[in-house]
C-alpha cells in the first residue's frame, strides 16, 4: 500500500479567509474518492484556528494499492482540476507532500 499525504498553506483571497478557502477546497476534495477509482482510502482535514498560525491549513491523506494507483491518481482529470483550483488558493511555498509504502 502507498500513503500519499499532501498539505497546503492557504492565503486569503477575494475577501475570503484562508480558513474559508480551506472549507471550499475540502468540499471539492471530498468528492475525489467517488471520482478516482484507484483512491482506496481518503481523508481531508482542516487545521483549526486555535493552533499555531504557521501550521498548514488543509491536508489530504490518501491510500493506494500500489505506485501505479498513485500514478493514475496524479493524472486523473478530477485530481488535476482540484490541483488547479487549490493552486490559486495556496500561499507561496504552500505545499508539502510525502509518499511512502506501508
PDB file of N, CA and C in Angstrom:
ATOM      1  N   UNK A   1       0.847  -1.187   0.000  1.00  0.00           N
ATOM      2  CA  UNK A   1       0.000   0.000   0.000  1.00  0.00           C
ATOM      3  C   UNK A   1       0.886   1.242   0.000  1.00  0.00           C
ATOM      4  N   UNK A   2       0.343   2.284  -0.600  1.00  0.00           N
ATOM      5  CA  UNK A   2       1.023   3.575  -0.679  1.00  0.00           C
ATOM      6  C   UNK A   2       0.184   4.612   0.065  1.00  0.00           C
ATOM      7  N   UNK A   3       0.844   5.384   0.902  1.00  0.00           N
ATOM      8  CA  UNK A   3       0.201   6.520   1.575  1.00  0.00           C
ATOM      9  C   UNK A   3       0.729   7.787   0.914  1.00  0.00           C
ATOM     10  N   UNK A   4      -0.175   8.673   0.561  1.00  0.00           N
ATOM     11  CA  UNK A   4       0.156   9.955  -0.076  1.00  0.00           C
ATOM     12  C   UNK A   4      -0.472  11.038   0.800  1.00  0.00           C
ATOM     13  N   UNK A   5       0.368  11.857   1.420  1.00  0.00           N
ATOM     14  CA  UNK A   5      -0.122  12.943   2.264  1.00  0.00           C
ATOM     15  C   UNK A   5       0.371  14.253   1.672  1.00  0.00           C
ATOM     16  N   UNK A   6      -0.567  15.134   1.397  1.00  0.00           N
ATOM     17  CA  UNK A   6      -0.213  16.451   0.865  1.00  0.00           C
ATOM     18  C   UNK A   6      -0.905  17.509   1.720  1.00  0.00           C
ATOM     19  N   UNK A   7      -0.137  18.543   2.071  1.00  0.00           N
ATOM     20  CA  UNK A   7      -0.653  19.620   2.914  1.00  0.00           C
ATOM     21  C   UNK A   7      -0.485  20.947   2.188  1.00  0.00           C
ATOM     22  N   UNK A   8      -1.431  21.839   2.446  1.00  0.00           N
ATOM     23  CA  UNK A   8      -1.398  23.154   1.819  1.00  0.00           C
ATOM     24  C   UNK A   8      -1.538  24.247   2.868  1.00  0.00           C
ATOM     25  N   UNK A   9      -0.741  25.275   2.702  1.00  0.00           N
ATOM     26  CA  UNK A   9      -0.880  26.524   3.452  1.00  0.00           C
ATOM     27  C   UNK A   9      -1.587  27.465   2.504  1.00  0.00           C
ATOM     28  N   UNK A  10      -2.752  27.972   2.910  1.00  0.00           N
ATOM     29  CA  UNK A  10      -3.562  28.794   2.027  1.00  0.00           C
ATOM     30  C   UNK A  10      -3.444  30.270   2.383  1.00  0.00           C
ATOM     31  N   UNK A  11      -3.889  31.097   1.475  1.00  0.00           N
ATOM     32  CA  UNK A  11      -3.872  32.543   1.680  1.00  0.00           C
ATOM     33  C   UNK A  11      -5.302  33.070   1.638  1.00  0.00           C
ATOM     34  N   UNK A  12      -5.474  34.272   2.129  1.00  0.00           N
ATOM     35  CA  UNK A  12      -6.744  34.967   1.981  1.00  0.00           C
ATOM     36  C   UNK A  12      -6.865  35.396   0.518  1.00  0.00           C
ATOM     37  N   UNK A  13      -8.039  35.212  -0.063  1.00  0.00           N
ATOM     38  CA  UNK A  13      -8.250  35.603  -1.462  1.00  0.00           C
ATOM     39  C   UNK A  13      -9.651  36.165  -1.645  1.00  0.00           C
ATOM     40  N   UNK A  14      -9.778  37.183  -2.443  1.00  0.00           N
ATOM     41  CA  UNK A  14     -11.080  37.736  -2.844  1.00  0.00           C
ATOM     42  C   UNK A  14     -12.056  37.868  -1.678  1.00  0.00           C
ATOM     43  N   UNK A  15     -11.590  38.405  -0.572  1.00  0.00           N
ATOM     44  CA  UNK A  15     -12.454  38.617   0.581  1.00  0.00           C
ATOM     45  C   UNK A  15     -12.725  37.384   1.420  1.00  0.00           C
ATOM     46  N   UNK A  16     -12.098  36.255   1.088  1.00  0.00           N
ATOM     47  CA  UNK A  16     -12.267  35.030   1.862  1.00  0.00           C
ATOM     48  C   UNK A  16     -10.996  34.765   2.658  1.00  0.00           C
ATOM     49  N   UNK A  17     -11.175  34.301   3.873  1.00  0.00           N
ATOM     50  CA  UNK A  17     -10.026  33.963   4.700  1.00  0.00           C
ATOM     51  C   UNK A  17      -9.436  32.629   4.255  1.00  0.00           C
ATOM     52  N   UNK A  18      -8.235  32.364   4.707  1.00  0.00           N
ATOM     53  CA  UNK A  18      -7.599  31.080   4.403  1.00  0.00           C
ATOM     54  C   UNK A  18      -8.473  29.929   4.897  1.00  0.00           C
ATOM     55  N   UNK A  19      -9.099  30.099   6.053  1.00  0.00           N
ATOM     56  CA  UNK A  19      -9.957  29.042   6.600  1.00  0.00           C
ATOM     57  C   UNK A  19     -11.202  28.832   5.731  1.00  0.00           C
ATOM     58  N   UNK A  20     -11.774  29.901   5.228  1.00  0.00           N
ATOM     59  CA  UNK A  20     -12.916  29.773   4.316  1.00  0.00           C
ATOM     60  C   UNK A  20     -12.485  29.094   3.021  1.00  0.00           C
ATOM     61  N   UNK A  21     -11.300  29.435   2.532  1.00  0.00           N
ATOM     62  CA  UNK A  21     -10.774  28.774   1.337  1.00  0.00           C
ATOM     63  C   UNK A  21     -10.516  27.295   1.590  1.00  0.00           C
ATOM     64  N   UNK A  22     -10.057  26.967   2.794  1.00  0.00           N
ATOM     65  CA  UNK A  22      -9.839  25.558   3.144  1.00  0.00           C
ATOM     66  C   UNK A  22     -11.159  24.796   3.119  1.00  0.00           C
ATOM     67  N   UNK A  23     -12.217  25.408   3.612  1.00  0.00           N
ATOM     68  CA  UNK A  23     -13.532  24.758   3.599  1.00  0.00           C
ATOM     69  C   UNK A  23     -14.008  24.510   2.170  1.00  0.00           C
ATOM     70  N   UNK A  24     -13.784  25.480   1.286  1.00  0.00           N
ATOM     71  CA  UNK A  24     -14.168  25.306  -0.123  1.00  0.00           C
ATOM     72  C   UNK A  24     -13.339  24.207  -0.781  1.00  0.00           C
ATOM     73  N   UNK A  25     -12.052  24.162  -0.454  1.00  0.00           N
ATOM     74  CA  UNK A  25     -11.184  23.117  -1.010  1.00  0.00           C
ATOM     75  C   UNK A  25     -11.603  21.744  -0.489  1.00  0.00           C
ATOM     76  N   UNK A  26     -11.936  21.657   0.789  1.00  0.00           N
ATOM     77  CA  UNK A  26     -12.371  20.373   1.366  1.00  0.00           C
ATOM     78  C   UNK A  26     -13.643  19.879   0.679  1.00  0.00           C
ATOM     79  N   UNK A  27     -14.561  20.783   0.417  1.00  0.00           N
ATOM     80  CA  UNK A  27     -15.807  20.398  -0.258  1.00  0.00           C
ATOM     81  C   UNK A  27     -15.506  19.744  -1.609  1.00  0.00           C
ATOM     82  N   UNK A  28     -14.561  20.299  -2.332  1.00  0.00           N
ATOM     83  CA  UNK A  28     -14.164  19.721  -3.625  1.00  0.00           C
ATOM     84  C   UNK A  28     -13.388  18.422  -3.440  1.00  0.00           C
ATOM     85  N   UNK A  29     -12.433  18.434  -2.513  1.00  0.00           N
ATOM     86  CA  UNK A  29     -11.579  17.257  -2.305  1.00  0.00           C
ATOM     87  C   UNK A  29     -12.398  16.044  -1.863  1.00  0.00           C
ATOM     88  N   UNK A  30     -13.411  16.263  -1.050  1.00  0.00           N
ATOM     89  CA  UNK A  30     -14.219  15.151  -0.545  1.00  0.00           C
ATOM     90  C   UNK A  30     -14.950  14.396  -1.648  1.00  0.00           C
ATOM     91  N   UNK A  31     -15.020  14.948  -2.837  1.00  0.00           N
ATOM     92  CA  UNK A  31     -15.651  14.272  -3.981  1.00  0.00           C
ATOM     93  C   UNK A  31     -14.689  13.317  -4.686  1.00  0.00           C
ATOM     94  N   UNK A  32     -13.394  13.482  -4.459  1.00  0.00           N
ATOM     95  CA  UNK A  32     -12.398  12.691  -5.192  1.00  0.00           C
ATOM     96  C   UNK A  32     -12.555  11.173  -5.030  1.00  0.00           C
ATOM     97  N   UNK A  33     -12.865  10.649  -3.840  1.00  0.00           N
ATOM     98  CA  UNK A  33     -12.975   9.188  -3.727  1.00  0.00           C
ATOM     99  C   UNK A  33     -14.023   8.562  -4.646  1.00  0.00           C
ATOM    100  N   UNK A  34     -15.096   9.291  -4.914  1.00  0.00           N
ATOM    101  CA  UNK A  34     -16.126   8.737  -5.805  1.00  0.00           C
ATOM    102  C   UNK A  34     -15.777   8.931  -7.277  1.00  0.00           C
ATOM    103  N   UNK A  35     -14.747   9.714  -7.560  1.00  0.00           N
ATOM    104  CA  UNK A  35     -14.380  10.020  -8.939  1.00  0.00           C
ATOM    105  C   UNK A  35     -13.126   9.305  -9.428  1.00  0.00           C
ATOM    106  N   UNK A  36     -12.234   8.967  -8.495  1.00  0.00           N
ATOM    107  CA  UNK A  36     -10.941   8.384  -8.864  1.00  0.00           C
ATOM    108  C   UNK A  36     -10.900   6.939  -8.365  1.00  0.00           C
ATOM    109  N   UNK A  37     -11.014   5.961  -9.263  1.00  0.00           N
ATOM    110  CA  UNK A  37     -11.127   4.559  -8.847  1.00  0.00           C
ATOM    111  C   UNK A  37      -9.912   4.005  -8.104  1.00  0.00           C
ATOM    112  N   UNK A  38      -8.740   4.539  -8.328  1.00  0.00           N
ATOM    113  CA  UNK A  38      -7.550   3.983  -7.664  1.00  0.00           C
ATOM    114  C   UNK A  38      -7.370   4.498  -6.242  1.00  0.00           C
ATOM    115  N   UNK A  39      -8.173   5.458  -5.840  1.00  0.00           N
ATOM    116  CA  UNK A  39      -8.114   6.020  -4.493  1.00  0.00           C
ATOM    117  C   UNK A  39      -8.860   5.089  -3.542  1.00  0.00           C
ATOM    118  N   UNK A  40      -8.119   4.364  -2.708  1.00  0.00           N
ATOM    119  CA  UNK A  40      -8.701   3.310  -1.861  1.00  0.00           C
ATOM    120  C   UNK A  40      -9.053   3.779  -0.454  1.00  0.00           C
ATOM    121  N   UNK A  41      -8.424   4.826   0.010  1.00  0.00           N
ATOM    122  CA  UNK A  41      -8.736   5.419   1.304  1.00  0.00           C
ATOM    123  C   UNK A  41      -8.490   6.907   1.206  1.00  0.00           C
ATOM    124  N   UNK A  42      -9.304   7.703   1.915  1.00  0.00           N
ATOM    125  CA  UNK A  42      -9.186   9.151   1.782  1.00  0.00           C
ATOM    126  C   UNK A  42      -9.704   9.841   3.024  1.00  0.00           C
ATOM    127  N   UNK A  43      -8.980  10.867   3.425  1.00  0.00           N
ATOM    128  CA  UNK A  43      -9.433  11.759   4.484  1.00  0.00           C
ATOM    129  C   UNK A  43      -8.908  13.147   4.149  1.00  0.00           C
ATOM    130  N   UNK A  44      -9.754  14.135   4.285  1.00  0.00           N
ATOM    131  CA  UNK A  44      -9.363  15.523   4.106  1.00  0.00           C
ATOM    132  C   UNK A  44      -9.632  16.228   5.421  1.00  0.00           C
ATOM    133  N   UNK A  45      -8.611  16.896   5.963  1.00  0.00           N
ATOM    134  CA  UNK A  45      -8.748  17.550   7.267  1.00  0.00           C
ATOM    135  C   UNK A  45      -8.320  19.010   7.159  1.00  0.00           C
ATOM    136  N   UNK A  46      -8.973  19.822   7.975  1.00  0.00           N
ATOM    137  CA  UNK A  46      -8.662  21.243   8.051  1.00  0.00           C
ATOM    138  C   UNK A  46      -8.119  21.533   9.440  1.00  0.00           C
ATOM    139  N   UNK A  47      -7.013  22.269   9.492  1.00  0.00           N
ATOM    140  CA  UNK A  47      -6.447  22.673  10.774  1.00  0.00           C
ATOM    141  C   UNK A  47      -7.353  23.697  11.448  1.00  0.00           C
ATOM    142  N   UNK A  48      -7.258  23.756  12.750  1.00  0.00           N
ATOM    143  CA  UNK A  48      -8.124  24.662  13.495  1.00  0.00           C
ATOM    144  C   UNK A  48      -7.485  26.008  13.771  1.00  0.00           C
ATOM    145  N   UNK A  49      -8.332  26.993  13.994  1.00  0.00           N
ATOM    146  CA  UNK A  49      -7.865  28.349  14.288  1.00  0.00           C
ATOM    147  C   UNK A  49      -7.128  28.436  15.622  1.00  0.00           C
ATOM    148  N   UNK A  50      -7.354  27.476  16.509  1.00  0.00           N
ATOM    149  CA  UNK A  50      -6.732  27.541  17.832  1.00  0.00           C
ATOM    150  C   UNK A  50      -5.270  27.104  17.817  1.00  0.00           C
ATOM    151  N   UNK A  51      -4.815  26.574  16.672  1.00  0.00           N
ATOM    152  CA  UNK A  51      -3.454  26.068  16.581  1.00  0.00           C
ATOM    153  C   UNK A  51      -2.505  27.120  16.006  1.00  0.00           C
ATOM    154  N   UNK A  52      -1.255  26.817  16.018  1.00  0.00           N
ATOM    155  CA  UNK A  52      -0.208  27.722  15.541  1.00  0.00           C
ATOM    156  C   UNK A  52      -0.509  28.202  14.118  1.00  0.00           C
ATOM    157  N   UNK A  53      -0.453  29.490  13.884  1.00  0.00           N
ATOM    158  CA  UNK A  53      -0.793  30.057  12.574  1.00  0.00           C
ATOM    159  C   UNK A  53       0.214  29.692  11.490  1.00  0.00           C
ATOM    160  N   UNK A  54       1.368  29.157  11.877  1.00  0.00           N
ATOM    161  CA  UNK A  54       2.336  28.726  10.858  1.00  0.00           C
ATOM    162  C   UNK A  54       2.048  27.314  10.353  1.00  0.00           C
ATOM    163  N   UNK A  55       1.101  26.625  10.970  1.00  0.00           N
ATOM    164  CA  UNK A  55       0.724  25.287  10.514  1.00  0.00           C
ATOM    165  C   UNK A  55       0.083  25.357   9.125  1.00  0.00           C
ATOM    166  N   UNK A  56       0.098  24.234   8.445  1.00  0.00           N
ATOM    167  CA  UNK A  56      -0.626  24.127   7.186  1.00  0.00           C
ATOM    168  C   UNK A  56      -2.123  24.136   7.477  1.00  0.00           C
ATOM    169  N   UNK A  57      -2.919  24.530   6.494  1.00  0.00           N
ATOM    170  CA  UNK A  57      -4.356  24.711   6.701  1.00  0.00           C
ATOM    171  C   UNK A  57      -5.204  23.494   6.358  1.00  0.00           C
ATOM    172  N   UNK A  58      -4.760  22.710   5.394  1.00  0.00           N
ATOM    173  CA  UNK A  58      -5.566  21.580   4.924  1.00  0.00           C
ATOM    174  C   UNK A  58      -4.632  20.454   4.490  1.00  0.00           C
ATOM    175  N   UNK A  59      -5.064  19.221   4.726  1.00  0.00           N
ATOM    176  CA  UNK A  59      -4.273  18.058   4.327  1.00  0.00           C
ATOM    177  C   UNK A  59      -5.182  17.021   3.684  1.00  0.00           C
ATOM    178  N   UNK A  60      -4.650  16.386   2.649  1.00  0.00           N
ATOM    179  CA  UNK A  60      -5.310  15.238   2.019  1.00  0.00           C
ATOM    180  C   UNK A  60      -4.470  14.017   2.344  1.00  0.00           C
ATOM    181  N   UNK A  61      -5.120  13.001   2.895  1.00  0.00           N
ATOM    182  CA  UNK A  61      -4.444  11.775   3.299  1.00  0.00           C
ATOM    183  C   UNK A  61      -5.063  10.654   2.464  1.00  0.00           C
ATOM    184  N   UNK A  62      -4.258  10.112   1.550  1.00  0.00           N
ATOM    185  CA  UNK A  62      -4.775   9.195   0.535  1.00  0.00           C
ATOM    186  C   UNK A  62      -4.063   7.845   0.599  1.00  0.00           C
ATOM    187  N   UNK A  63      -4.798   6.792   0.292  1.00  0.00           N
ATOM    188  CA  UNK A  63      -4.249   5.441   0.224  1.00  0.00           C
ATOM    189  C   UNK A  63      -4.470   4.854  -1.164  1.00  0.00           C
ATOM    190  N   UNK A  64      -3.432   4.168  -1.641  1.00  0.00           N
ATOM    191  CA  UNK A  64      -3.480   3.494  -2.935  1.00  0.00           C
ATOM    192  C   UNK A  64      -2.919   2.092  -2.776  1.00  0.00           C
ATOM    193  N   UNK A  65      -3.394   1.169  -3.593  1.00  0.00           N
ATOM    194  CA  UNK A  65      -2.896  -0.201  -3.526  1.00  0.00           C
ATOM    195  C   UNK A  65      -1.424  -0.292  -3.889  1.00  0.00           C
ATOM    196  N   UNK A  66      -0.999   0.553  -4.842  1.00  0.00           N
ATOM    197  CA  UNK A  66       0.377   0.474  -5.326  1.00  0.00           C
ATOM    198  C   UNK A  66       0.762   1.784  -5.995  1.00  0.00           C
ATOM    199  N   UNK A  67       1.999   1.863  -6.443  1.00  0.00           N
ATOM    200  CA  UNK A  67       2.512   3.075  -7.088  1.00  0.00           C
ATOM    201  C   UNK A  67       1.743   3.375  -8.364  1.00  0.00           C
ATOM    202  N   UNK A  68       1.335   2.349  -9.068  1.00  0.00           N
ATOM    203  CA  UNK A  68       0.558   2.557 -10.295  1.00  0.00           C
ATOM    204  C   UNK A  68      -0.759   3.273  -9.978  1.00  0.00           C
ATOM    205  N   UNK A  69      -1.372   2.930  -8.852  1.00  0.00           N
ATOM    206  CA  UNK A  69      -2.606   3.608  -8.439  1.00  0.00           C
ATOM    207  C   UNK A  69      -2.374   5.074  -8.137  1.00  0.00           C
ATOM    208  N   UNK A  70      -1.274   5.383  -7.452  1.00  0.00           N
ATOM    209  CA  UNK A  70      -0.912   6.776  -7.185  1.00  0.00           C
ATOM    210  C   UNK A  70      -0.646   7.511  -8.492  1.00  0.00           C
ATOM    211  N   UNK A  71       0.082   6.870  -9.395  1.00  0.00           N
ATOM    212  CA  UNK A  71       0.385   7.494 -10.682  1.00  0.00           C
ATOM    213  C   UNK A  71      -0.893   7.808 -11.463  1.00  0.00           C
ATOM    214  N   UNK A  72      -1.846   6.890 -11.433  1.00  0.00           N
ATOM    215  CA  UNK A  72      -3.117   7.103 -12.130  1.00  0.00           C
ATOM    216  C   UNK A  72      -3.900   8.262 -11.509  1.00  0.00           C
ATOM    217  N   UNK A  73      -3.849   8.362 -10.201  1.00  0.00           N
ATOM    218  CA  UNK A  73      -4.488   9.472  -9.480  1.00  0.00           C
ATOM    219  C   UNK A  73      -3.878  10.809  -9.905  1.00  0.00           C
ATOM    220  N   UNK A  74      -2.566  10.855  -9.994  1.00  0.00           N
ATOM    221  CA  UNK A  74      -1.877  12.105 -10.309  1.00  0.00           C
ATOM    222  C   UNK A  74      -2.300  12.679 -11.660  1.00  0.00           C
ATOM    223  N   UNK A  75      -2.627  11.819 -12.609  1.00  0.00           N
ATOM    224  CA  UNK A  75      -3.004  12.303 -13.945  1.00  0.00           C
ATOM    225  C   UNK A  75      -4.514  12.283 -14.195  1.00  0.00           C
ATOM    226  N   UNK A  76      -5.281  11.839 -13.201  1.00  0.00           N
ATOM    227  CA  UNK A  76      -6.737  11.777 -13.367  1.00  0.00           C
ATOM    228  C   UNK A  76      -7.293  13.199 -13.539  1.00  0.00           C
ATOM    229  N   UNK A  77      -8.204  13.399 -14.483  1.00  0.00           N
ATOM    230  CA  UNK A  77      -8.730  14.743 -14.750  1.00  0.00           C
ATOM    231  C   UNK A  77      -9.358  15.430 -13.532  1.00  0.00           C
ATOM    232  N   UNK A  78     -10.025  14.674 -12.676  1.00  0.00           N
ATOM    233  CA  UNK A  78     -10.653  15.286 -11.500  1.00  0.00           C
ATOM    234  C   UNK A  78      -9.607  15.712 -10.467  1.00  0.00           C
ATOM    235  N   UNK A  79      -8.535  14.942 -10.347  1.00  0.00           N
ATOM    236  CA  UNK A  79      -7.446  15.352  -9.465  1.00  0.00           C
ATOM    237  C   UNK A  79      -6.751  16.583 -10.042  1.00  0.00           C
ATOM    238  N   UNK A  80      -6.532  16.598 -11.346  1.00  0.00           N
ATOM    239  CA  UNK A  80      -5.906  17.757 -11.996  1.00  0.00           C
ATOM    240  C   UNK A  80      -6.758  19.013 -11.792  1.00  0.00           C
ATOM    241  N   UNK A  81      -8.078  18.871 -11.886  1.00  0.00           N
ATOM    242  CA  UNK A  81      -8.977  20.018 -11.687  1.00  0.00           C
ATOM    243  C   UNK A  81      -8.885  20.526 -10.247  1.00  0.00           C
ATOM    244  N   UNK A  82      -8.816  19.596  -9.285  1.00  0.00           N
ATOM    245  CA  UNK A  82      -8.651  20.008  -7.900  1.00  0.00           C
ATOM    246  C   UNK A  82      -7.316  20.734  -7.717  1.00  0.00           C
ATOM    247  N   UNK A  83      -6.263  20.214  -8.312  1.00  0.00           N
ATOM    248  CA  UNK A  83      -4.952  20.835  -8.228  1.00  0.00           C
ATOM    249  C   UNK A  83      -4.950  22.255  -8.784  1.00  0.00           C
ATOM    250  N   UNK A  84      -5.631  22.448  -9.895  1.00  0.00           N
ATOM    251  CA  UNK A  84      -5.723  23.784 -10.485  1.00  0.00           C
ATOM    252  C   UNK A  84      -6.477  24.724  -9.552  1.00  0.00           C
ATOM    253  N   UNK A  85      -7.554  24.231  -8.956  1.00  0.00           N
ATOM    254  CA  UNK A  85      -8.345  25.047  -8.031  1.00  0.00           C
ATOM    255  C   UNK A  85      -7.503  25.461  -6.819  1.00  0.00           C
ATOM    256  N   UNK A  86      -6.861  24.497  -6.183  1.00  0.00           N
ATOM    257  CA  UNK A  86      -6.144  24.814  -4.949  1.00  0.00           C
ATOM    258  C   UNK A  86      -4.869  25.608  -5.208  1.00  0.00           C
ATOM    259  N   UNK A  87      -4.306  25.485  -6.391  1.00  0.00           N
ATOM    260  CA  UNK A  87      -3.093  26.256  -6.682  1.00  0.00           C
ATOM    261  C   UNK A  87      -3.374  27.759  -6.653  1.00  0.00           C
ATOM    262  N   UNK A  88      -4.601  28.156  -6.933  1.00  0.00           N
ATOM    263  CA  UNK A  88      -4.985  29.561  -6.853  1.00  0.00           C
ATOM    264  C   UNK A  88      -5.203  30.044  -5.433  1.00  0.00           C
ATOM    265  N   UNK A  89      -5.265  29.114  -4.489  1.00  0.00           N
ATOM    266  CA  UNK A  89      -5.515  29.456  -3.087  1.00  0.00           C
ATOM    267  C   UNK A  89      -4.278  29.336  -2.212  1.00  0.00           C
ATOM    268  N   UNK A  90      -3.276  28.619  -2.679  1.00  0.00           N
ATOM    269  CA  UNK A  90      -2.143  28.324  -1.796  1.00  0.00           C
ATOM    270  C   UNK A  90      -1.153  29.472  -1.734  1.00  0.00           C
ATOM    271  N   UNK A  91      -0.564  29.594  -0.573  1.00  0.00           N
ATOM    272  CA  UNK A  91       0.465  30.602  -0.353  1.00  0.00           C
ATOM    273  C   UNK A  91       1.739  30.193  -1.085  1.00  0.00           C
ATOM    274  N   UNK A  92       2.638  31.135  -1.263  1.00  0.00           N
ATOM    275  CA  UNK A  92       3.932  30.822  -1.861  1.00  0.00           C
ATOM    276  C   UNK A  92       4.622  29.770  -1.000  1.00  0.00           C
ATOM    277  N   UNK A  93       5.170  28.761  -1.631  1.00  0.00           N
ATOM    278  CA  UNK A  93       5.772  27.619  -0.924  1.00  0.00           C
ATOM    279  C   UNK A  93       4.764  26.942   0.007  1.00  0.00           C
ATOM    280  N   UNK A  94       3.501  26.954  -0.374  1.00  0.00           N
ATOM    281  CA  UNK A  94       2.435  26.465   0.483  1.00  0.00           C
ATOM    282  C   UNK A  94       2.011  25.033   0.235  1.00  0.00           C
ATOM    283  N   UNK A  95       2.939  24.185  -0.178  1.00  0.00           N
ATOM    284  CA  UNK A  95       2.617  22.773  -0.396  1.00  0.00           C
ATOM    285  C   UNK A  95       3.737  21.913   0.148  1.00  0.00           C
ATOM    286  N   UNK A  96       3.344  20.845   0.839  1.00  0.00           N
ATOM    287  CA  UNK A  96       4.297  19.835   1.297  1.00  0.00           C
ATOM    288  C   UNK A  96       3.667  18.473   1.061  1.00  0.00           C
ATOM    289  N   UNK A  97       4.509  17.499   0.728  1.00  0.00           N
ATOM    290  CA  UNK A  97       3.997  16.177   0.397  1.00  0.00           C
ATOM    291  C   UNK A  97       4.965  15.105   0.842  1.00  0.00           C
ATOM    292  N   UNK A  98       4.405  13.952   1.219  1.00  0.00           N
ATOM    293  CA  UNK A  98       5.201  12.756   1.465  1.00  0.00           C
ATOM    294  C   UNK A  98       4.424  11.561   0.919  1.00  0.00           C
ATOM    295  N   UNK A  99       5.146  10.651   0.300  1.00  0.00           N
ATOM    296  CA  UNK A  99       4.611   9.372  -0.167  1.00  0.00           C
ATOM    297  C   UNK A  99       5.452   8.280   0.456  1.00  0.00           C
ATOM    298  N   UNK A 100       4.800   7.214   0.931  1.00  0.00           N
ATOM    299  CA  UNK A 100       5.565   6.105   1.492  1.00  0.00           C
ATOM    300  C   UNK A 100       4.769   4.812   1.380  1.00  0.00           C
ATOM    301  N   UNK A 101       5.514   3.711   1.435  1.00  0.00           N
ATOM    302  CA  UNK A 101       4.887   2.380   1.422  1.00  0.00           C
ATOM    303  C   UNK A 101       4.646   1.946   2.857  1.00  0.00           C
ATOM    304  N   UNK A 102       3.560   1.221   3.038  1.00  0.00           N
ATOM    305  CA  UNK A 102       3.286   0.654   4.367  1.00  0.00           C
ATOM    306  C   UNK A 102       2.653  -0.714   4.232  1.00  0.00           C
TER     307      UNK A 102
END
